Amino acid sequence: MKDLNLNIPLSIFSVGAVLFLLAPSKLFITSISHEVFMSGLMIELIGITAGLVVFYRYKITEKYMKDI
């Protein structure tokens, strides 16, 4: 697991989490607050999906490198 690089998926997830957590605050107009909330959730899901893809790709590569 030394070579696994999850910096980009974690960065994407953290941006979504910040948007998600800032949405209920009074920084945004109430009509826009829901949109920010939903965008934060979608960005978090993209980060999770990217992380899973990177992890799966790492595991498959590791498996086939052992076979060689």
PDB file of N, CA and C in Angstrom:
ATOM      1  N   MET A   1       0.810  -1.188   0.000  1.00  0.00           N
ATOM      2  CA  MET A   1       0.000   0.000   0.000  1.00  0.00           C
ATOM      3  C   MET A   1       0.857   1.256   0.000  1.00  0.00           C
ATOM      4  N   LYS A   2       2.170   1.085  -0.140  1.00  0.00           N
ATOM      5  CA  LYS A   2       3.048   2.250  -0.153  1.00  0.00           C
ATOM      6  C   LYS A   2       2.851   3.088  -1.407  1.00  0.00           C
ATOM      7  N   ASP A   3       2.536   2.439  -2.517  1.00  0.00           N
ATOM      8  CA  ASP A   3       2.446   3.137  -3.795  1.00  0.00           C
ATOM      9  C   ASP A   3       1.059   3.695  -4.092  1.00  0.00           C
ATOM     10  N   LEU A   4       0.109   3.444  -3.216  1.00  0.00           N
ATOM     11  CA  LEU A   4      -1.259   3.894  -3.445  1.00  0.00           C
ATOM     12  C   LEU A   4      -1.347   5.399  -3.209  1.00  0.00           C
ATOM     13  N   ASN A   5      -1.766   6.144  -4.228  1.00  0.00           N
ATOM     14  CA  ASN A   5      -1.841   7.601  -4.145  1.00  0.00           C
ATOM     15  C   ASN A   5      -3.301   8.028  -4.173  1.00  0.00           C
ATOM     16  N   LEU A   6      -3.809   8.382  -3.000  1.00  0.00           N
ATOM     17  CA  LEU A   6      -5.211   8.801  -2.890  1.00  0.00           C
ATOM     18  C   LEU A   6      -5.334  10.301  -2.668  1.00  0.00           C
ATOM     19  N   ASN A   7      -4.319  11.071  -3.014  1.00  0.00           N
ATOM     20  CA  ASN A   7      -4.363  12.515  -2.770  1.00  0.00           C
ATOM     21  C   ASN A   7      -5.483  13.201  -3.545  1.00  0.00           C
ATOM     22  N   ILE A   8      -5.616  12.901  -4.816  1.00  0.00           N
ATOM     23  CA  ILE A   8      -6.629  13.570  -5.641  1.00  0.00           C
ATOM     24  C   ILE A   8      -8.047  13.177  -5.226  1.00  0.00           C
ATOM     25  N   PRO A   9      -8.363  11.880  -5.049  1.00  0.00           N
ATOM     26  CA  PRO A   9      -9.724  11.555  -4.593  1.00  0.00           C
ATOM     27  C   PRO A   9     -10.055  12.146  -3.218  1.00  0.00           C
ATOM     28  N   LEU A  10      -9.092  12.172  -2.309  1.00  0.00           N
ATOM     29  CA  LEU A  10      -9.352  12.762  -0.998  1.00  0.00           C
ATOM     30  C   LEU A  10      -9.545  14.266  -1.084  1.00  0.00           C
ATOM     31  N   SER A  11      -8.831  14.911  -1.995  1.00  0.00           N
ATOM     32  CA  SER A  11      -9.022  16.353  -2.190  1.00  0.00           C
ATOM     33  C   SER A  11     -10.412  16.648  -2.741  1.00  0.00           C
ATOM     34  N   ILE A  12     -10.848  15.845  -3.698  1.00  0.00           N
ATOM     35  CA  ILE A  12     -12.186  16.023  -4.258  1.00  0.00           C
ATOM     36  C   ILE A  12     -13.237  15.807  -3.176  1.00  0.00           C
ATOM     37  N   PHE A  13     -13.065  14.764  -2.375  1.00  0.00           N
ATOM     38  CA  PHE A  13     -14.004  14.482  -1.299  1.00  0.00           C
ATOM     39  C   PHE A  13     -14.041  15.614  -0.272  1.00  0.00           C
ATOM     40  N   SER A  14     -12.879  16.152   0.066  1.00  0.00           N
ATOM     41  CA  SER A  14     -12.845  17.214   1.072  1.00  0.00           C
ATOM     42  C   SER A  14     -13.506  18.500   0.576  1.00  0.00           C
ATOM     43  N   VAL A  15     -13.375  18.813  -0.709  1.00  0.00           N
ATOM     44  CA  VAL A  15     -14.069  19.985  -1.261  1.00  0.00           C
ATOM     45  C   VAL A  15     -15.577  19.790  -1.166  1.00  0.00           C
ATOM     46  N   GLY A  16     -16.047  18.599  -1.492  1.00  0.00           N
ATOM     47  CA  GLY A  16     -17.472  18.309  -1.375  1.00  0.00           C
ATOM     48  C   GLY A  16     -17.950  18.383   0.064  1.00  0.00           C
ATOM     49  N   ALA A  17     -17.125  17.900   1.000  1.00  0.00           N
ATOM     50  CA  ALA A  17     -17.500  17.952   2.415  1.00  0.00           C
ATOM     51  C   ALA A  17     -17.589  19.386   2.917  1.00  0.00           C
ATOM     52  N   VAL A  18     -16.669  20.238   2.466  1.00  0.00           N
ATOM     53  CA  VAL A  18     -16.701  21.643   2.877  1.00  0.00           C
ATOM     54  C   VAL A  18     -17.969  22.313   2.352  1.00  0.00           C
ATOM     55  N   LEU A  19     -18.302  22.074   1.094  1.00  0.00           N
ATOM     56  CA  LEU A  19     -19.543  22.640   0.544  1.00  0.00           C
ATOM     57  C   LEU A  19     -20.766  22.099   1.276  1.00  0.00           C
ATOM     58  N   PHE A  20     -20.752  20.822   1.552  1.00  0.00           N
ATOM     59  CA  PHE A  20     -21.863  20.190   2.253  1.00  0.00           C
ATOM     60  C   PHE A  20     -22.052  20.787   3.645  1.00  0.00           C
ATOM     61  N   LEU A  21     -20.950  21.040   4.341  1.00  0.00           N
ATOM     62  CA  LEU A  21     -21.040  21.570   5.695  1.00  0.00           C
ATOM     63  C   LEU A  21     -21.327  23.071   5.728  1.00  0.00           C
ATOM     64  N   LEU A  22     -20.947  23.789   4.682  1.00  0.00           N
ATOM     65  CA  LEU A  22     -21.211  25.224   4.641  1.00  0.00           C
ATOM     66  C   LEU A  22     -22.623  25.559   4.180  1.00  0.00           C
ATOM     67  N   ALA A  23     -23.294  24.638   3.550  1.00  0.00           N
ATOM     68  CA  ALA A  23     -24.632  24.911   3.003  1.00  0.00           C
ATOM     69  C   ALA A  23     -25.637  25.334   4.069  1.00  0.00           C
ATOM     70  N   PRO A  24     -25.700  24.697   5.237  1.00  0.00           N
ATOM     71  CA  PRO A  24     -26.696  25.126   6.229  1.00  0.00           C
ATOM     72  C   PRO A  24     -26.373  26.471   6.890  1.00  0.00           C
ATOM     73  N   SER A  25     -25.126  26.919   6.787  1.00  0.00           N
ATOM     74  CA  SER A  25     -24.801  28.209   7.394  1.00  0.00           C
ATOM     75  C   SER A  25     -25.499  29.330   6.626  1.00  0.00           C
ATOM     76  N   LYS A  26     -25.535  30.469   7.190  1.00  0.00           N
ATOM     77  CA  LYS A  26     -26.265  31.596   6.593  1.00  0.00           C
ATOM     78  C   LYS A  26     -25.412  32.373   5.582  1.00  0.00           C
ATOM     79  N   LEU A  27     -24.398  31.716   5.014  1.00  0.00           N
ATOM     80  CA  LEU A  27     -23.555  32.367   4.011  1.00  0.00           C
ATOM     81  C   LEU A  27     -24.257  32.495   2.668  1.00  0.00           C
ATOM     82  N   PHE A  28     -25.216  31.617   2.409  1.00  0.00           N
ATOM     83  CA  PHE A  28     -25.883  31.582   1.121  1.00  0.00           C
ATOM     84  C   PHE A  28     -27.351  31.967   1.274  1.00  0.00           C
ATOM     85  N   ILE A  29     -27.946  32.416   0.194  1.00  0.00           N
ATOM     86  CA  ILE A  29     -29.381  32.680   0.164  1.00  0.00           C
ATOM     87  C   ILE A  29     -30.099  31.330   0.280  1.00  0.00           C
ATOM     88  N   THR A  30     -31.246  31.302   0.898  1.00  0.00           N
ATOM     89  CA  THR A  30     -31.921  30.033   1.158  1.00  0.00           C
ATOM     90  C   THR A  30     -32.243  29.258  -0.119  1.00  0.00           C
ATOM     91  N   SER A  31     -32.531  29.956  -1.193  1.00  0.00           N
ATOM     92  CA  SER A  31     -32.831  29.233  -2.436  1.00  0.00           C
ATOM     93  C   SER A  31     -31.570  28.598  -3.033  1.00  0.00           C
ATOM     94  N   ILE A  32     -30.436  29.198  -2.786  1.00  0.00           N
ATOM     95  CA  ILE A  32     -29.173  28.664  -3.306  1.00  0.00           C
ATOM     96  C   ILE A  32     -28.593  27.621  -2.355  1.00  0.00           C
ATOM     97  N   SER A  33     -28.978  27.681  -1.099  1.00  0.00           N
ATOM     98  CA  SER A  33     -28.436  26.775  -0.084  1.00  0.00           C
ATOM     99  C   SER A  33     -28.680  25.310  -0.441  1.00  0.00           C
ATOM    100  N   HIS A  34     -29.871  25.004  -0.944  1.00  0.00           N
ATOM    101  CA  HIS A  34     -30.177  23.628  -1.334  1.00  0.00           C
ATOM    102  C   HIS A  34     -29.288  23.175  -2.495  1.00  0.00           C
ATOM    103  N   GLU A  35     -29.054  24.054  -3.444  1.00  0.00           N
ATOM    104  CA  GLU A  35     -28.193  23.714  -4.584  1.00  0.00           C
ATOM    105  C   GLU A  35     -26.756  23.455  -4.134  1.00  0.00           C
ATOM    106  N   VAL A  36     -26.266  24.260  -3.209  1.00  0.00           N
ATOM    107  CA  VAL A  36     -24.905  24.069  -2.690  1.00  0.00           C
ATOM    108  C   VAL A  36     -24.833  22.751  -1.924  1.00  0.00           C
ATOM    109  N   PHE A  37     -25.852  22.456  -1.152  1.00  0.00           N
ATOM    110  CA  PHE A  37     -25.939  21.210  -0.402  1.00  0.00           C
ATOM    111  C   PHE A  37     -25.864  20.006  -1.340  1.00  0.00           C
ATOM    112  N   MET A  38     -26.664  20.029  -2.394  1.00  0.00           N
ATOM    113  CA  MET A  38     -26.691  18.909  -3.340  1.00  0.00           C
ATOM    114  C   MET A  38     -25.396  18.814  -4.138  1.00  0.00           C
ATOM    115  N   SER A  39     -24.804  19.965  -4.502  1.00  0.00           N
ATOM    116  CA  SER A  39     -23.529  19.915  -5.219  1.00  0.00           C
ATOM    117  C   SER A  39     -22.443  19.326  -4.341  1.00  0.00           C
ATOM    118  N   GLY A  40     -22.454  19.670  -3.046  1.00  0.00           N
ATOM    119  CA  GLY A  40     -21.479  19.091  -2.119  1.00  0.00           C
ATOM    120  C   GLY A  40     -21.608  17.589  -2.046  1.00  0.00           C
ATOM    121  N   LEU A  41     -22.839  17.097  -1.978  1.00  0.00           N
ATOM    122  CA  LEU A  41     -23.046  15.644  -1.957  1.00  0.00           C
ATOM    123  C   LEU A  41     -22.556  14.980  -3.240  1.00  0.00           C
ATOM    124  N   MET A  42     -22.853  15.597  -4.377  1.00  0.00           N
ATOM    125  CA  MET A  42     -22.419  15.012  -5.648  1.00  0.00           C
ATOM    126  C   MET A  42     -20.902  15.003  -5.766  1.00  0.00           C
ATOM    127  N   ILE A  43     -20.244  16.069  -5.330  1.00  0.00           N
ATOM    128  CA  ILE A  43     -18.778  16.123  -5.387  1.00  0.00           C
ATOM    129  C   ILE A  43     -18.181  15.082  -4.450  1.00  0.00           C
ATOM    130  N   GLU A  44     -18.794  14.886  -3.274  1.00  0.00           N
ATOM    131  CA  GLU A  44     -18.324  13.839  -2.373  1.00  0.00           C
ATOM    132  C   GLU A  44     -18.446  12.466  -3.018  1.00  0.00           C
ATOM    133  N   LEU A  45     -19.553  12.211  -3.687  1.00  0.00           N
ATOM    134  CA  LEU A  45     -19.735  10.917  -4.357  1.00  0.00           C
ATOM    135  C   LEU A  45     -18.716  10.710  -5.469  1.00  0.00           C
ATOM    136  N   ILE A  46     -18.391  11.774  -6.178  1.00  0.00           N
ATOM    137  CA  ILE A  46     -17.356  11.683  -7.221  1.00  0.00           C
ATOM    138  C   ILE A  46     -16.008  11.348  -6.597  1.00  0.00           C
ATOM    139  N   GLY A  47     -15.699  11.975  -5.454  1.00  0.00           N
ATOM    140  CA  GLY A  47     -14.446  11.687  -4.755  1.00  0.00           C
ATOM    141  C   GLY A  47     -14.382  10.254  -4.269  1.00  0.00           C
ATOM    142  N   ILE A  48     -15.493   9.749  -3.727  1.00  0.00           N
ATOM    143  CA  ILE A  48     -15.540   8.359  -3.270  1.00  0.00           C
ATOM    144  C   ILE A  48     -15.366   7.402  -4.443  1.00  0.00           C
ATOM    145  N   THR A  49     -16.045   7.682  -5.551  1.00  0.00           N
ATOM    146  CA  THR A  49     -15.937   6.832  -6.733  1.00  0.00           C
ATOM    147  C   THR A  49     -14.518   6.835  -7.288  1.00  0.00           C
ATOM    148  N   ALA A  50     -13.901   8.007  -7.357  1.00  0.00           N
ATOM    149  CA  ALA A  50     -12.514   8.087  -7.842  1.00  0.00           C
ATOM    150  C   ALA A  50     -11.581   7.320  -6.924  1.00  0.00           C
ATOM    151  N   GLY A  51     -11.797   7.411  -5.620  1.00  0.00           N
ATOM    152  CA  GLY A  51     -10.975   6.663  -4.671  1.00  0.00           C
ATOM    153  C   GLY A  51     -11.125   5.168  -4.848  1.00  0.00           C
ATOM    154  N   LEU A  52     -12.351   4.712  -5.056  1.00  0.00           N
ATOM    155  CA  LEU A  52     -12.577   3.286  -5.273  1.00  0.00           C
ATOM    156  C   LEU A  52     -11.935   2.803  -6.568  1.00  0.00           C
ATOM    157  N   VAL A  53     -11.996   3.619  -7.606  1.00  0.00           N
ATOM    158  CA  VAL A  53     -11.366   3.249  -8.878  1.00  0.00           C
ATOM    159  C   VAL A  53      -9.854   3.143  -8.710  1.00  0.00           C
ATOM    160  N   VAL A  54      -9.260   4.109  -8.021  1.00  0.00           N
ATOM    161  CA  VAL A  54      -7.809   4.082  -7.796  1.00  0.00           C
ATOM    162  C   VAL A  54      -7.418   2.861  -6.969  1.00  0.00           C
ATOM    163  N   PHE A  55      -8.193   2.568  -5.922  1.00  0.00           N
ATOM    164  CA  PHE A  55      -7.897   1.417  -5.071  1.00  0.00           C
ATOM    165  C   PHE A  55      -8.035   0.107  -5.835  1.00  0.00           C
ATOM    166  N   TYR A  56      -9.108  -0.023  -6.623  1.00  0.00           N
ATOM    167  CA  TYR A  56      -9.329  -1.236  -7.404  1.00  0.00           C
ATOM    168  C   TYR A  56      -8.218  -1.424  -8.442  1.00  0.00           C
ATOM    169  N   ARG A  57      -7.848  -0.331  -9.091  1.00  0.00           N
ATOM    170  CA  ARG A  57      -6.782  -0.403 -10.093  1.00  0.00           C
ATOM    171  C   ARG A  57      -5.461  -0.821  -9.449  1.00  0.00           C
ATOM    172  N   TYR A  58      -5.188  -0.308  -8.249  1.00  0.00           N
ATOM    173  CA  TYR A  58      -3.967  -0.665  -7.525  1.00  0.00           C
ATOM    174  C   TYR A  58      -3.973  -2.149  -7.179  1.00  0.00           C
ATOM    175  N   LYS A  59      -5.096  -2.656  -6.673  1.00  0.00           N
ATOM    176  CA  LYS A  59      -5.177  -4.061  -6.282  1.00  0.00           C
ATOM    177  C   LYS A  59      -5.035  -4.993  -7.487  1.00  0.00           C
ATOM    178  N   ILE A  60      -5.667  -4.649  -8.594  1.00  0.00           N
ATOM    179  CA  ILE A  60      -5.560  -5.484  -9.796  1.00  0.00           C
ATOM    180  C   ILE A  60      -4.122  -5.484 -10.312  1.00  0.00           C
ATOM    181  N   THR A  61      -3.497  -4.321 -10.344  1.00  0.00           N
ATOM    182  CA  THR A  61      -2.111  -4.234 -10.800  1.00  0.00           C
ATOM    183  C   THR A  61      -1.196  -5.037  -9.889  1.00  0.00           C
ATOM    184  N   GLU A  62      -1.422  -4.929  -8.580  1.00  0.00           N
ATOM    185  CA  GLU A  62      -0.612  -5.671  -7.620  1.00  0.00           C
ATOM    186  C   GLU A  62      -0.777  -7.175  -7.816  1.00  0.00           C
ATOM    187  N   LYS A  63      -1.992  -7.611  -8.089  1.00  0.00           N
ATOM    188  CA  LYS A  63      -2.266  -9.036  -8.286  1.00  0.00           C
ATOM    189  C   LYS A  63      -1.545  -9.568  -9.521  1.00  0.00           C
ATOM    190  N   TYR A  64      -1.617  -8.819 -10.623  1.00  0.00           N
ATOM    191  CA  TYR A  64      -0.981  -9.285 -11.855  1.00  0.00           C
ATOM    192  C   TYR A  64       0.532  -9.153 -11.820  1.00  0.00           C
ATOM    193  N   MET A  65       1.055  -8.239 -11.031  1.00  0.00           N
ATOM    194  CA  MET A  65       2.511  -8.128 -10.902  1.00  0.00           C
ATOM    195  C   MET A  65       3.075  -9.322 -10.129  1.00  0.00           C
ATOM    196  N   LYS A  66       2.289  -9.877  -9.197  1.00  0.00           N
ATOM    197  CA  LYS A  66       2.731 -11.066  -8.473  1.00  0.00           C
ATOM    198  C   LYS A  66       2.751 -12.279  -9.393  1.00  0.00           C
ATOM    199  N   ASP A  67       1.843 -12.312 -10.368  1.00  0.00           N
ATOM    200  CA  ASP A  67       1.777 -13.442 -11.298  1.00  0.00           C
ATOM    201  C   ASP A  67       2.958 -13.457 -12.267  1.00  0.00           C
ATOM    202  N   ILE A  68       3.511 -12.286 -12.535  1.00  0.00           N
ATOM    203  CA  ILE A  68       4.634 -12.207 -13.491  1.00  0.00           C
ATOM    204  C   ILE A  68       5.847 -12.627 -12.809  1.00  0.00           C
TER     205      ILE A  68
END
